[in-house]
C-alpha atoms as a PDB file:
ATOM      1  CA  MET A   1     -17.678 -22.336   7.369  1.00  0.00           C
ATOM      2  CA  LYS A   2     -17.477 -20.840  10.817  1.00  0.00           C
ATOM      3  CA  VAL A   3     -19.525 -18.041  12.325  1.00  0.00           C
ATOM      4  CA  ASN A   4     -17.835 -16.423  15.304  1.00  0.00           C
ATOM      5  CA  ILE A   5     -19.827 -13.961  17.386  1.00  0.00           C
ATOM      6  CA  TYR A   6     -18.222 -11.145  19.386  1.00  0.00           C
ATOM      7  CA  LYS A   7     -19.730  -8.906  22.039  1.00  0.00           C
ATOM      8  CA  ASP A   8     -19.018  -5.657  20.193  1.00  0.00           C
ATOM      9  CA  PRO A   9     -17.217  -4.212  17.144  1.00  0.00           C
ATOM     10  CA  GLU A  10     -14.015  -3.609  19.123  1.00  0.00           C
ATOM     11  CA  ALA A  11     -13.719  -7.257  20.167  1.00  0.00           C
ATOM     12  CA  LEU A  12     -14.394  -8.268  16.570  1.00  0.00           C
ATOM     13  CA  SER A  13     -11.728  -5.891  15.226  1.00  0.00           C
ATOM     14  CA  ILE A  14      -9.093  -7.001  17.731  1.00  0.00           C
ATOM     15  CA  THR A  15      -9.666 -10.640  16.842  1.00  0.00           C
ATOM     16  CA  ALA A  16      -9.508  -9.840  13.135  1.00  0.00           C
ATOM     17  CA  ALA A  17      -6.204  -8.020  13.635  1.00  0.00           C
ATOM     18  CA  ASN A  18      -4.827 -10.978  15.579  1.00  0.00           C
ATOM     19  CA  LEU A  19      -5.928 -13.350  12.830  1.00  0.00           C
ATOM     20  CA  PHE A  20      -4.286 -11.158  10.191  1.00  0.00           C
ATOM     21  CA  VAL A  21      -0.984 -11.334  12.073  1.00  0.00           C
ATOM     22  CA  GLU A  22      -1.226 -15.112  12.468  1.00  0.00           C
ATOM     23  CA  GLN A  23      -1.989 -15.676   8.799  1.00  0.00           C
ATOM     24  CA  ALA A  24       0.754 -13.323   7.658  1.00  0.00           C
ATOM     25  CA  GLN A  25       3.370 -15.061   9.749  1.00  0.00           C
ATOM     26  CA  SER A  26       2.193 -18.505   8.671  1.00  0.00           C
ATOM     27  CA  ALA A  27       2.143 -17.626   4.955  1.00  0.00           C
ATOM     28  CA  VAL A  28       5.662 -16.204   5.071  1.00  0.00           C
ATOM     29  CA  ILE A  29       6.965 -19.320   6.796  1.00  0.00           C
ATOM     30  CA  LYS A  30       5.362 -21.524   4.131  1.00  0.00           C
ATOM     31  CA  ASN A  31       5.792 -19.458   0.957  1.00  0.00           C
ATOM     32  CA  ASP A  32       8.043 -16.515   1.856  1.00  0.00           C
ATOM     33  CA  ARG A  33       5.253 -14.043   1.077  1.00  0.00           C
ATOM     34  CA  PHE A  34       1.793 -13.044   2.266  1.00  0.00           C
ATOM     35  CA  SER A  35      -0.928 -11.722  -0.039  1.00  0.00           C
ATOM     36  CA  VAL A  36      -4.090 -10.017   1.142  1.00  0.00           C
ATOM     37  CA  ALA A  37      -7.101  -8.427  -0.529  1.00  0.00           C
ATOM     38  CA  PHE A  38      -8.507  -5.525   1.457  1.00  0.00           C
ATOM     39  CA  SER A  39     -12.136  -4.462   1.345  1.00  0.00           C
ATOM     40  CA  GLY A  40     -13.632  -1.020   1.595  1.00  0.00           C
ATOM     41  CA  GLY A  41     -16.492   0.211   3.714  1.00  0.00           C
ATOM     42  CA  THR A  42     -16.504   1.282   7.333  1.00  0.00           C
ATOM     43  CA  THR A  43     -16.430  -2.104   9.061  1.00  0.00           C
ATOM     44  CA  PRO A  44     -12.783  -3.069   8.392  1.00  0.00           C
ATOM     45  CA  ALA A  45     -11.475   0.414   9.195  1.00  0.00           C
ATOM     46  CA  ARG A  46     -10.964  -0.302  12.892  1.00  0.00           C
ATOM     47  CA  THR A  47      -9.057  -3.500  12.097  1.00  0.00           C
ATOM     48  CA  TYR A  48      -6.810  -1.508   9.753  1.00  0.00           C
ATOM     49  CA  GLU A  49      -6.255   1.080  12.488  1.00  0.00           C
ATOM     50  CA  LEU A  50      -5.215  -1.619  14.941  1.00  0.00           C
ATOM     51  CA  LEU A  51      -2.790  -3.157  12.450  1.00  0.00           C
ATOM     52  CA  ALA A  52      -1.047   0.214  12.237  1.00  0.00           C
ATOM     53  CA  GLN A  53      -0.518   0.219  16.005  1.00  0.00           C
ATOM     54  CA  LYS A  54       1.655  -1.734  18.394  1.00  0.00           C
ATOM     55  CA  PRO A  55       1.831  -4.618  19.048  1.00  0.00           C
ATOM     56  CA  TRP A  56       0.226  -5.690  15.752  1.00  0.00           C
ATOM     57  CA  CYS A  57       2.295  -3.546  13.385  1.00  0.00           C
ATOM     58  CA  ASP A  58       5.532  -4.986  14.777  1.00  0.00           C
ATOM     59  CA  GLN A  59       4.345  -8.562  14.288  1.00  0.00           C
ATOM     60  CA  VAL A  60       3.432  -8.399  10.590  1.00  0.00           C
ATOM     61  CA  PRO A  61       6.214  -9.190   8.069  1.00  0.00           C
ATOM     62  CA  TRP A  62       5.432  -6.098   6.019  1.00  0.00           C
ATOM     63  CA  ASP A  63       8.481  -6.518   3.808  1.00  0.00           C
ATOM     64  CA  LYS A  64       6.936  -9.727   2.479  1.00  0.00           C
ATOM     65  CA  THR A  65       3.307  -8.575   2.438  1.00  0.00           C
ATOM     66  CA  PHE A  66       1.528  -7.781  -0.819  1.00  0.00           C
ATOM     67  CA  VAL A  67      -1.750  -5.857  -0.797  1.00  0.00           C
ATOM     68  CA  PHE A  68      -4.558  -5.983  -3.340  1.00  0.00           C
ATOM     69  CA  TRP A  69      -8.206  -4.886  -3.169  1.00  0.00           C
ATOM     70  CA  SER A  70     -11.382  -6.913  -3.518  1.00  0.00           C
ATOM     71  CA  ASP A  71     -13.108  -4.033  -5.282  1.00  0.00           C
ATOM     72  CA  GLU A  72     -12.969  -0.339  -5.973  1.00  0.00           C
ATOM     73  CA  ARG A  73     -15.183   2.581  -6.852  1.00  0.00           C
ATOM     74  CA  CYS A  74     -14.347   4.300 -10.118  1.00  0.00           C
ATOM     75  CA  VAL A  75     -13.721   7.686  -8.561  1.00  0.00           C
ATOM     76  CA  PRO A  76     -10.525   9.776  -8.558  1.00  0.00           C
ATOM     77  CA  LYS A  77      -7.827   8.253  -6.373  1.00  0.00           C
ATOM     78  CA  GLU A  78      -7.921  11.372  -4.179  1.00  0.00           C
ATOM     79  CA  ASP A  79     -11.671  10.919  -3.568  1.00  0.00           C
ATOM     80  CA  ILE A  80     -12.557   9.984   0.015  1.00  0.00           C
ATOM     81  CA  ARG A  81     -14.801   7.219  -1.368  1.00  0.00           C
ATOM     82  CA  HIS A  82     -11.767   5.466  -2.872  1.00  0.00           C
ATOM     83  CA  ASN A  83     -11.152   2.245  -0.925  1.00  0.00           C
ATOM     84  CA  ALA A  84      -7.397   2.324  -1.438  1.00  0.00           C
ATOM     85  CA  LEU A  85      -7.171   5.875  -0.124  1.00  0.00           C
ATOM     86  CA  MET A  86      -8.865   4.863   3.116  1.00  0.00           C
ATOM     87  CA  ALA A  87      -6.500   1.943   3.673  1.00  0.00           C
ATOM     88  CA  HIS A  88      -3.490   4.098   2.835  1.00  0.00           C
ATOM     89  CA  LYS A  89      -4.470   6.844   5.271  1.00  0.00           C
ATOM     90  CA  ILE A  90      -5.170   4.670   8.278  1.00  0.00           C
ATOM     91  CA  LEU A  91      -2.791   1.744   7.728  1.00  0.00           C
ATOM     92  CA  LEU A  92      -0.394   1.525   4.811  1.00  0.00           C
ATOM     93  CA  SER A  93       1.193   4.945   5.294  1.00  0.00           C
ATOM     94  CA  HIS A  94       2.045   3.979   8.874  1.00  0.00           C
ATOM     95  CA  VAL A  95       3.808   0.645   8.338  1.00  0.00           C
ATOM     96  CA  PRO A  96       7.060  -0.304   6.569  1.00  0.00           C
ATOM     97  CA  ILE A  97       5.533  -2.012   3.548  1.00  0.00           C
ATOM     98  CA  PRO A  98       7.426  -1.454   0.267  1.00  0.00           C
ATOM     99  CA  ALA A  99       5.474   0.818  -2.061  1.00  0.00           C
ATOM    100  CA  HIS A 100       5.757  -1.656  -4.945  1.00  0.00           C
ATOM    101  CA  HIS A 101       4.005  -4.285  -2.811  1.00  0.00           C
ATOM    102  CA  ILE A 102       0.813  -2.199  -2.823  1.00  0.00           C
ATOM    103  CA  HIS A 103      -1.491  -2.763  -5.806  1.00  0.00           C
ATOM    104  CA  PRO A 104      -4.487  -0.421  -5.713  1.00  0.00           C
ATOM    105  CA  ILE A 105      -7.156  -0.412  -8.397  1.00  0.00           C
ATOM    106  CA  ILE A 106      -6.744   2.949 -10.117  1.00  0.00           C
ATOM    107  CA  CYS A 107      -9.561   3.856 -12.498  1.00  0.00           C
ATOM    108  CA  GLU A 108      -7.616   6.057 -14.905  1.00  0.00           C
ATOM    109  CA  ALA A 109      -9.128   4.592 -18.081  1.00  0.00           C
ATOM    110  CA  THR A 110     -12.518   3.090 -18.857  1.00  0.00           C
ATOM    111  CA  PRO A 111     -13.821   0.604 -16.277  1.00  0.00           C
ATOM    112  CA  LYS A 112     -13.334  -2.225 -18.774  1.00  0.00           C
ATOM    113  CA  ILE A 113      -9.693  -1.331 -19.421  1.00  0.00           C
ATOM    114  CA  THR A 114      -9.086  -0.830 -15.695  1.00  0.00           C
ATOM    115  CA  ALA A 115     -10.441  -4.317 -14.973  1.00  0.00           C
ATOM    116  CA  GLU A 116      -8.328  -5.861 -17.722  1.00  0.00           C
ATOM    117  CA  LYS A 117      -5.165  -4.173 -16.455  1.00  0.00           C
ATOM    118  CA  TYR A 118      -5.803  -5.273 -12.874  1.00  0.00           C
ATOM    119  CA  GLU A 119      -6.388  -8.831 -13.990  1.00  0.00           C
ATOM    120  CA  LEU A 120      -3.022  -8.801 -15.754  1.00  0.00           C
ATOM    121  CA  ILE A 121      -1.367  -7.655 -12.513  1.00  0.00           C
ATOM    122  CA  LEU A 122      -2.995 -10.509 -10.618  1.00  0.00           C
ATOM    123  CA  HIS A 123      -2.078 -13.144 -13.199  1.00  0.00           C
ATOM    124  CA  GLU A 124       1.505 -11.940 -13.264  1.00  0.00           C
ATOM    125  CA  PHE A 125       1.736 -12.075  -9.479  1.00  0.00           C
ATOM    126  CA  PHE A 126       0.002 -15.405  -8.876  1.00  0.00           C
ATOM    127  CA  GLN A 127       1.139 -17.139 -12.068  1.00  0.00           C
ATOM    128  CA  ASP A 128      -2.200 -18.997 -12.268  1.00  0.00           C
ATOM    129  CA  LEU A 129      -1.593 -20.933  -9.058  1.00  0.00           C
ATOM    130  CA  ASP A 130      -4.406 -23.235  -7.997  1.00  0.00           C
ATOM    131  CA  PHE A 131      -4.735 -21.259  -4.779  1.00  0.00           C
ATOM    132  CA  CYS A 132      -3.968 -17.603  -4.787  1.00  0.00           C
ATOM    133  CA  ILE A 133      -4.723 -14.950  -2.206  1.00  0.00           C
ATOM    134  CA  ASP A 134      -3.751 -15.912   1.329  1.00  0.00           C
ATOM    135  CA  PHE A 135      -6.315 -13.684   3.045  1.00  0.00           C
ATOM    136  CA  VAL A 136      -9.409 -11.875   1.772  1.00  0.00           C
ATOM    137  CA  PHE A 137     -11.379  -9.354   3.816  1.00  0.00           C
ATOM    138  CA  LEU A 138     -15.019  -8.980   2.788  1.00  0.00           C
ATOM    139  CA  GLY A 139     -18.134  -7.322   4.130  1.00  0.00           C
ATOM    140  CA  ILE A 140     -21.801  -7.272   3.206  1.00  0.00           C
ATOM    141  CA  GLY A 141     -24.198  -4.530   2.258  1.00  0.00           C
ATOM    142  CA  ASN A 142     -27.774  -4.297   3.423  1.00  0.00           C
ATOM    143  CA  ASP A 143     -28.764  -5.494  -0.052  1.00  0.00           C
ATOM    144  CA  GLY A 144     -26.677  -8.662   0.230  1.00  0.00           C
ATOM    145  CA  HIS A 145     -23.774  -7.567  -1.965  1.00  0.00           C
ATOM    146  CA  THR A 146     -20.134  -8.250  -1.186  1.00  0.00           C
ATOM    147  CA  ALA A 147     -17.072  -6.699  -2.810  1.00  0.00           C
ATOM    148  CA  SER A 148     -18.830  -5.147  -5.844  1.00  0.00           C
ATOM    149  CA  LEU A 149     -20.856  -8.248  -6.588  1.00  0.00           C
ATOM    150  CA  PHE A 150     -24.284  -6.643  -6.576  1.00  0.00           C
ATOM    151  CA  PRO A 151     -27.699  -8.300  -6.859  1.00  0.00           C
ATOM    152  CA  GLY A 152     -28.805  -8.979 -10.412  1.00  0.00           C
ATOM    153  CA  THR A 153     -25.552  -7.935 -12.088  1.00  0.00           C
ATOM    154  CA  PRO A 154     -23.998 -10.027 -14.904  1.00  0.00           C
ATOM    155  CA  VAL A 155     -20.720 -10.393 -13.006  1.00  0.00           C
ATOM    156  CA  LEU A 156     -22.390 -12.962 -10.740  1.00  0.00           C
ATOM    157  CA  ASN A 157     -22.323 -15.377 -13.670  1.00  0.00           C
ATOM    158  CA  GLU A 158     -18.644 -14.818 -14.494  1.00  0.00           C
ATOM    159  CA  ARG A 159     -16.720 -18.090 -14.704  1.00  0.00           C
ATOM    160  CA  THR A 160     -13.337 -17.177 -16.210  1.00  0.00           C
ATOM    161  CA  LYS A 161     -12.294 -13.565 -15.644  1.00  0.00           C
ATOM    162  CA  TRP A 162     -10.697 -12.690 -12.318  1.00  0.00           C
ATOM    163  CA  VAL A 163     -11.668  -9.006 -12.469  1.00  0.00           C
ATOM    164  CA  CYS A 164     -14.696  -7.296 -13.997  1.00  0.00           C
ATOM    165  CA  GLU A 165     -16.248  -3.878 -14.283  1.00  0.00           C
ATOM    166  CA  VAL A 166     -19.673  -3.459 -12.682  1.00  0.00           C
ATOM    167  CA  SER A 167     -22.385  -0.930 -13.415  1.00  0.00           C
ATOM    168  CA  VAL A 168     -25.132  -0.457 -10.838  1.00  0.00           C
ATOM    169  CA  SER A 169     -28.137   1.527 -12.015  1.00  0.00           C
ATOM    170  CA  ASN A 170     -28.715   3.521  -8.826  1.00  0.00           C
ATOM    171  CA  GLN A 171     -25.080   4.594  -8.383  1.00  0.00           C
ATOM    172  CA  GLU A 172     -23.268   7.543  -9.923  1.00  0.00           C
ATOM    173  CA  PHE A 173     -20.057   5.650 -10.623  1.00  0.00           C
ATOM    174  CA  ASP A 174     -19.011   2.280 -11.982  1.00  0.00           C
ATOM    175  CA  ARG A 175     -17.019  -0.221  -9.946  1.00  0.00           C
ATOM    176  CA  ILE A 176     -14.284  -2.790 -10.386  1.00  0.00           C
ATOM    177  CA  THR A 177     -14.483  -6.098  -8.552  1.00  0.00           C
ATOM    178  CA  LEU A 178     -12.689  -9.363  -8.078  1.00  0.00           C
ATOM    179  CA  THR A 179     -14.924 -12.184  -9.264  1.00  0.00           C
ATOM    180  CA  ASN A 180     -15.757 -15.574  -7.869  1.00  0.00           C
ATOM    181  CA  PRO A 181     -13.235 -17.454 -10.078  1.00  0.00           C
ATOM    182  CA  LEU A 182     -10.507 -15.693  -8.091  1.00  0.00           C
ATOM    183  CA  LEU A 183     -12.247 -15.284  -4.731  1.00  0.00           C
ATOM    184  CA  GLU A 184     -12.930 -19.007  -4.546  1.00  0.00           C
ATOM    185  CA  ARG A 185      -9.150 -19.583  -4.667  1.00  0.00           C
ATOM    186  CA  SER A 186      -8.567 -17.743  -1.401  1.00  0.00           C
ATOM    187  CA  LEU A 187      -6.910 -19.714   1.373  1.00  0.00           C
ATOM    188  CA  LEU A 188      -8.834 -17.748   4.010  1.00  0.00           C
ATOM    189  CA  THR A 189     -11.846 -15.509   3.475  1.00  0.00           C
ATOM    190  CA  VAL A 190     -13.108 -13.456   6.403  1.00  0.00           C
ATOM    191  CA  PHE A 191     -16.400 -11.580   6.439  1.00  0.00           C
ATOM    192  CA  LEU A 192     -16.553  -8.736   8.964  1.00  0.00           C
ATOM    193  CA  VAL A 193     -20.129  -7.796   9.853  1.00  0.00           C
ATOM    194  CA  GLU A 194     -21.318  -5.466  12.583  1.00  0.00           C
ATOM    195  CA  GLY A 195     -24.422  -3.532  13.528  1.00  0.00           C
ATOM    196  CA  ALA A 196     -28.105  -4.301  13.994  1.00  0.00           C
ATOM    197  CA  GLU A 197     -28.929  -2.950  10.529  1.00  0.00           C
ATOM    198  CA  LYS A 198     -27.081  -5.955   9.054  1.00  0.00           C
ATOM    199  CA  ALA A 199     -29.021  -8.505  11.116  1.00  0.00           C
ATOM    200  CA  PRO A 200     -31.840  -9.213   8.593  1.00  0.00           C
ATOM    201  CA  VAL A 201     -29.585  -9.711   5.565  1.00  0.00           C
ATOM    202  CA  LEU A 202     -27.027 -11.688   7.566  1.00  0.00           C
ATOM    203  CA  LYS A 203     -29.731 -14.105   8.673  1.00  0.00           C
ATOM    204  CA  THR A 204     -30.879 -14.634   5.091  1.00  0.00           C
ATOM    205  CA  ILE A 205     -27.353 -15.080   3.748  1.00  0.00           C
ATOM    206  CA  LEU A 206     -26.458 -17.691   6.340  1.00  0.00           C
ATOM    207  CA  GLU A 207     -29.778 -19.472   6.784  1.00  0.00           C
ATOM    208  CA  GLY A 208     -31.420 -19.110   3.388  1.00  0.00           C
ATOM    209  CA  PRO A 209     -33.268 -19.186   1.166  1.00  0.00           C
ATOM    210  CA  TRP A 210     -30.396 -19.788  -1.244  1.00  0.00           C
ATOM    211  CA  ASP A 211     -30.573 -17.132  -3.968  1.00  0.00           C
ATOM    212  CA  ILE A 212     -27.205 -15.936  -5.242  1.00  0.00           C
ATOM    213  CA  SER A 213     -28.719 -13.482  -7.716  1.00  0.00           C
ATOM    214  CA  THR A 214     -30.465 -11.682  -4.844  1.00  0.00           C
ATOM    215  CA  TYR A 215     -27.854 -12.236  -2.119  1.00  0.00           C
ATOM    216  CA  PRO A 216     -24.468 -12.380  -3.873  1.00  0.00           C
ATOM    217  CA  ALA A 217     -22.561 -12.926  -0.609  1.00  0.00           C
ATOM    218  CA  GLN A 218     -23.921 -16.478  -0.708  1.00  0.00           C
ATOM    219  CA  LEU A 219     -21.713 -17.014  -3.758  1.00  0.00           C
ATOM    220  CA  ILE A 220     -18.527 -16.932  -1.689  1.00  0.00           C
ATOM    221  CA  ALA A 221     -17.354 -20.480  -1.001  1.00  0.00           C
ATOM    222  CA  PRO A 222     -13.581 -21.119  -1.144  1.00  0.00           C
ATOM    223  CA  LEU A 223     -12.771 -24.335  -3.008  1.00  0.00           C
ATOM    224  CA  ASN A 224     -10.302 -25.642  -0.462  1.00  0.00           C
ATOM    225  CA  GLY A 225      -9.780 -22.644   1.763  1.00  0.00           C
ATOM    226  CA  ALA A 226     -11.499 -21.568   4.961  1.00  0.00           C
ATOM    227  CA  LEU A 227     -14.478 -19.256   5.304  1.00  0.00           C
ATOM    228  CA  ILE A 228     -15.031 -17.381   8.572  1.00  0.00           C
ATOM    229  CA  TRP A 229     -17.860 -15.015   9.408  1.00  0.00           C
ATOM    230  CA  MET A 230     -16.875 -12.636  12.217  1.00  0.00           C
ATOM    231  CA  VAL A 231     -19.959 -10.794  13.460  1.00  0.00           C
ATOM    232  CA  ASP A 232     -20.858  -8.778  16.510  1.00  0.00           C
ATOM    233  CA  GLU A 233     -23.820  -9.571  18.743  1.00  0.00           C
ATOM    234  CA  ALA A 234     -25.953  -6.824  17.226  1.00  0.00           C
ATOM    235  CA  ALA A 235     -25.607  -8.269  13.723  1.00  0.00           C
ATOM    236  CA  ALA A 236     -26.088 -11.809  15.006  1.00  0.00           C
ATOM    237  CA  LYS A 237     -29.215 -11.105  17.049  1.00  0.00           C
ATOM    238  CA  SER A 238     -31.606 -12.782  14.588  1.00  0.00           C
ATOM    239  CA  LEU A 239     -29.538 -15.868  13.812  1.00  0.00           C
ATOM    240  CA  ASN A 240     -30.978 -19.281  14.571  1.00  0.00           C
ATOM    241  CA  LYS A 241     -27.969 -20.746  16.319  1.00  0.00           C
ATOM    242  CA  ASP A 242     -29.500 -24.219  16.491  1.00  0.00           C
ATOM    243  CA  LYS A 243     -30.074 -24.225  12.743  1.00  0.00           C
ATOM    244  CA  LEU A 244     -26.526 -23.100  12.080  1.00  0.00           C
ATOM    245  CA  LYS A 245     -25.199 -25.832  14.341  1.00  0.00           C
ATOM    246  CA  LEU A 246     -27.098 -28.393  12.296  1.00  0.00           C
ATOM    247  CA  GLN A 247     -25.486 -27.062   9.127  1.00  0.00           C
ATOM    248  CA  SER A 248     -21.979 -27.183  10.570  1.00  0.00           C
ATOM    249  CA  PRO A 249     -21.077 -28.560  14.004  1.00  0.00           C
ATOM    250  CA  ASP A 250     -18.203 -26.077  14.434  1.00  0.00           C
ATOM    251  CA  VAL A 251     -20.111 -23.046  13.232  1.00  0.00           C
ATOM    252  CA  LEU A 252     -20.279 -21.151  16.536  1.00  0.00           C
ATOM    253  CA  ARG A 253     -17.965 -20.664  19.447  1.00  0.00           C
END
């Protein structure tokens, strides 16, 4: 695990865009394709905007890039809360990626059926490889959730399914999420975290106590891939850098 701290959200987003380009180029050289799982929320939006602009957009092998989503809200696909709609508007509609390389989660049936159908798409694409998605973007909520892995939900205990439906009592819609059995197969997982309001939960997630049921983001630990936390100074203000250094000598730069 690495935790990289940046002076502001713009510096964080630029570095994330650069990393995306590097990983895309590397994956295509090795395997002739690059797979990525996008996340929703506001934090990755600036990175997506940058990837749609020069010089980044010209450096990504879009013709060999395949896009999935880490989670989705079960709202109409035209709803502004739909994660795939956001990514399409600010990135995917501006770059030359083949339409059949884009795999949004579309909740046109029940959440359970939607999850089952999306899992079939993933299994067909990855053919049950030991290591699957090349790059996963994730974020965290103030309650410690990531993707749609929410505190206290049964999906946190999932050990076989790659995709599950999630019902959260205080929300008006259900969700679909990738689960840890797939997320742990990522070759590179990047958390993007910004803003002072995330400082308390970020500190707990990284420094403990260890409680996956309360802070599901602690569940994310790639089996043989890399895990990078990219955070701005505002979000990192409460971190005990000495403690993190003891946990991992290369944790900060």
